[in-house]
């Protein structure tokens, strides 16, 4: 999932807090590249996945 984030990413403080919580849970479990995880979470969020548990599950599946 290498690449760049779209330049039109607009996130509110609450959105960032949600993404940070999910990020903090996934990184230690998978010892993965944080840049790839960040892009994945933002892309999922932009595609409409706004539920914390669903984001967490999707990120965990992606890094298996």
N, C-alpha and C. Protein backbone atom coordinates (compact mmCIF):
# COMPACT_ATOMS: atom_id res chain seq x y z
N UNK A 1 0.83 -1.18 0.00
CA UNK A 1 0.00 0.00 0.00
C UNK A 1 0.87 1.24 0.00
N UNK A 2 1.94 1.22 -0.61
CA UNK A 2 2.81 2.40 -0.69
C UNK A 2 2.14 3.44 -1.58
N UNK A 3 2.39 4.67 -1.27
CA UNK A 3 1.82 5.72 -2.07
C UNK A 3 1.68 6.99 -1.26
N UNK A 4 0.93 7.90 -1.80
CA UNK A 4 0.72 9.18 -1.15
C UNK A 4 -0.75 9.34 -0.83
N UNK A 5 -1.00 10.11 0.21
CA UNK A 5 -2.38 10.42 0.55
C UNK A 5 -2.90 11.51 -0.37
N UNK A 6 -4.17 11.46 -0.69
CA UNK A 6 -4.74 12.54 -1.49
C UNK A 6 -4.57 13.88 -0.77
N UNK A 7 -4.44 14.94 -1.52
CA UNK A 7 -4.23 16.25 -0.91
C UNK A 7 -5.50 16.83 -0.32
N UNK A 8 -6.63 16.23 -0.60
CA UNK A 8 -7.90 16.77 -0.11
C UNK A 8 -8.41 16.05 1.14
N UNK A 9 -7.51 15.50 1.94
CA UNK A 9 -7.90 14.82 3.17
C UNK A 9 -8.23 15.88 4.21
N UNK A 10 -9.47 15.88 4.67
CA UNK A 10 -9.91 16.82 5.70
C UNK A 10 -10.42 16.03 6.89
N UNK A 11 -9.73 16.14 7.99
CA UNK A 11 -10.10 15.41 9.19
C UNK A 11 -10.30 16.39 10.35
N UNK A 12 -11.37 16.17 11.09
CA UNK A 12 -11.63 16.99 12.28
C UNK A 12 -10.88 16.41 13.46
N UNK A 13 -10.75 17.14 14.54
CA UNK A 13 -10.06 16.61 15.72
C UNK A 13 -10.64 15.28 16.22
N UNK A 14 -11.95 15.15 16.19
CA UNK A 14 -12.58 13.88 16.62
C UNK A 14 -12.19 12.74 15.68
N UNK A 15 -12.11 13.04 14.39
CA UNK A 15 -11.71 12.02 13.42
C UNK A 15 -10.27 11.57 13.69
N UNK A 16 -9.40 12.53 13.92
CA UNK A 16 -8.00 12.20 14.20
C UNK A 16 -7.86 11.39 15.48
N UNK A 17 -8.64 11.73 16.49
CA UNK A 17 -8.60 10.99 17.75
C UNK A 17 -9.00 9.53 17.53
N UNK A 18 -10.04 9.31 16.74
CA UNK A 18 -10.49 7.96 16.42
C UNK A 18 -9.38 7.19 15.70
N UNK A 19 -8.81 7.80 14.68
CA UNK A 19 -7.76 7.14 13.91
C UNK A 19 -6.52 6.88 14.76
N UNK A 20 -6.19 7.79 15.64
CA UNK A 20 -5.04 7.59 16.54
C UNK A 20 -5.26 6.43 17.49
N UNK A 21 -6.48 6.29 18.01
CA UNK A 21 -6.78 5.15 18.91
C UNK A 21 -6.60 3.82 18.19
N UNK A 22 -7.14 3.74 16.98
CA UNK A 22 -7.01 2.50 16.21
C UNK A 22 -5.54 2.24 15.87
N UNK A 23 -4.85 3.26 15.42
CA UNK A 23 -3.43 3.15 15.08
C UNK A 23 -2.63 2.61 16.28
N UNK A 24 -2.87 3.17 17.44
CA UNK A 24 -2.12 2.78 18.64
C UNK A 24 -2.38 1.32 19.02
N UNK A 25 -3.53 0.79 18.68
CA UNK A 25 -3.83 -0.61 18.99
C UNK A 25 -3.24 -1.57 17.97
N UNK A 26 -3.16 -1.16 16.72
CA UNK A 26 -2.71 -2.06 15.66
C UNK A 26 -1.19 -2.14 15.56
N UNK A 27 -0.50 -1.03 15.68
CA UNK A 27 0.95 -1.01 15.50
C UNK A 27 1.67 -2.01 16.41
N UNK A 28 1.42 -2.02 17.71
CA UNK A 28 2.15 -2.97 18.56
C UNK A 28 1.84 -4.43 18.24
N UNK A 29 0.62 -4.71 17.85
CA UNK A 29 0.22 -6.10 17.57
C UNK A 29 0.93 -6.65 16.35
N UNK A 30 1.15 -5.84 15.36
CA UNK A 30 1.66 -6.33 14.09
C UNK A 30 3.08 -5.87 13.77
N UNK A 31 3.64 -5.03 14.63
CA UNK A 31 5.00 -4.53 14.41
C UNK A 31 5.20 -4.16 12.94
N UNK A 32 4.30 -3.37 12.43
CA UNK A 32 4.28 -3.07 11.01
C UNK A 32 4.79 -1.66 10.72
N UNK A 33 4.79 -1.29 9.49
CA UNK A 33 5.23 0.03 9.07
C UNK A 33 4.15 1.06 9.38
N UNK A 34 4.46 2.01 10.22
CA UNK A 34 3.43 2.98 10.61
C UNK A 34 2.91 3.82 9.45
N UNK A 35 3.74 4.10 8.46
CA UNK A 35 3.26 4.91 7.34
C UNK A 35 2.19 4.17 6.54
N UNK A 36 2.38 2.88 6.35
CA UNK A 36 1.39 2.08 5.61
C UNK A 36 0.08 1.99 6.40
N UNK A 37 0.19 1.79 7.70
CA UNK A 37 -1.01 1.72 8.53
C UNK A 37 -1.75 3.05 8.51
N UNK A 38 -1.05 4.15 8.59
CA UNK A 38 -1.69 5.47 8.55
C UNK A 38 -2.48 5.66 7.27
N UNK A 39 -1.85 5.33 6.15
CA UNK A 39 -2.54 5.48 4.87
C UNK A 39 -3.76 4.57 4.78
N UNK A 40 -3.62 3.33 5.26
CA UNK A 40 -4.75 2.41 5.23
C UNK A 40 -5.92 2.96 6.04
N UNK A 41 -5.66 3.40 7.25
CA UNK A 41 -6.73 3.90 8.11
C UNK A 41 -7.41 5.13 7.51
N UNK A 42 -6.64 6.03 6.96
CA UNK A 42 -7.23 7.23 6.35
C UNK A 42 -8.06 6.86 5.13
N UNK A 43 -7.55 5.95 4.32
CA UNK A 43 -8.32 5.53 3.14
C UNK A 43 -9.63 4.85 3.54
N UNK A 44 -9.58 3.96 4.52
CA UNK A 44 -10.80 3.32 4.99
C UNK A 44 -11.79 4.35 5.53
N UNK A 45 -11.27 5.31 6.28
CA UNK A 45 -12.11 6.36 6.83
C UNK A 45 -12.76 7.17 5.71
N UNK A 46 -11.99 7.53 4.71
CA UNK A 46 -12.52 8.30 3.57
C UNK A 46 -13.57 7.52 2.80
N UNK A 47 -13.43 6.20 2.79
CA UNK A 47 -14.40 5.36 2.08
C UNK A 47 -15.66 5.14 2.89
N UNK A 48 -15.73 5.71 4.09
CA UNK A 48 -16.95 5.66 4.87
C UNK A 48 -16.89 4.79 6.11
N UNK A 49 -15.79 4.14 6.36
CA UNK A 49 -15.69 3.30 7.56
C UNK A 49 -15.35 4.21 8.73
N UNK A 50 -16.35 4.52 9.56
CA UNK A 50 -16.17 5.48 10.65
C UNK A 50 -16.31 4.84 12.02
N UNK A 51 -16.61 3.55 12.06
CA UNK A 51 -16.78 2.84 13.32
C UNK A 51 -15.42 2.33 13.81
N UNK A 52 -15.09 2.62 15.06
CA UNK A 52 -13.77 2.26 15.59
C UNK A 52 -13.52 0.75 15.54
N UNK A 53 -14.49 -0.04 15.93
CA UNK A 53 -14.30 -1.49 15.92
C UNK A 53 -14.13 -2.04 14.50
N UNK A 54 -14.86 -1.48 13.55
CA UNK A 54 -14.74 -1.92 12.16
C UNK A 54 -13.38 -1.53 11.59
N UNK A 55 -12.91 -0.33 11.90
CA UNK A 55 -11.59 0.09 11.45
C UNK A 55 -10.51 -0.82 12.03
N UNK A 56 -10.64 -1.12 13.31
CA UNK A 56 -9.66 -1.99 13.97
C UNK A 56 -9.65 -3.38 13.34
N UNK A 57 -10.81 -3.93 13.11
CA UNK A 57 -10.90 -5.26 12.50
C UNK A 57 -10.32 -5.25 11.08
N UNK A 58 -10.64 -4.23 10.30
CA UNK A 58 -10.14 -4.15 8.93
C UNK A 58 -8.62 -4.02 8.91
N UNK A 59 -8.07 -3.20 9.79
CA UNK A 59 -6.62 -3.03 9.84
C UNK A 59 -5.94 -4.32 10.28
N UNK A 60 -6.51 -5.00 11.24
CA UNK A 60 -5.94 -6.28 11.68
C UNK A 60 -5.97 -7.31 10.57
N UNK A 61 -7.06 -7.35 9.81
CA UNK A 61 -7.15 -8.29 8.68
C UNK A 61 -6.10 -7.97 7.62
N UNK A 62 -5.92 -6.71 7.34
CA UNK A 62 -5.01 -6.30 6.27
C UNK A 62 -3.56 -6.69 6.61
N UNK A 63 -3.21 -6.65 7.89
CA UNK A 63 -1.83 -6.91 8.29
C UNK A 63 -1.56 -8.37 8.65
N UNK A 64 -2.48 -9.25 8.38
CA UNK A 64 -2.24 -10.69 8.65
C UNK A 64 -1.35 -11.26 7.61
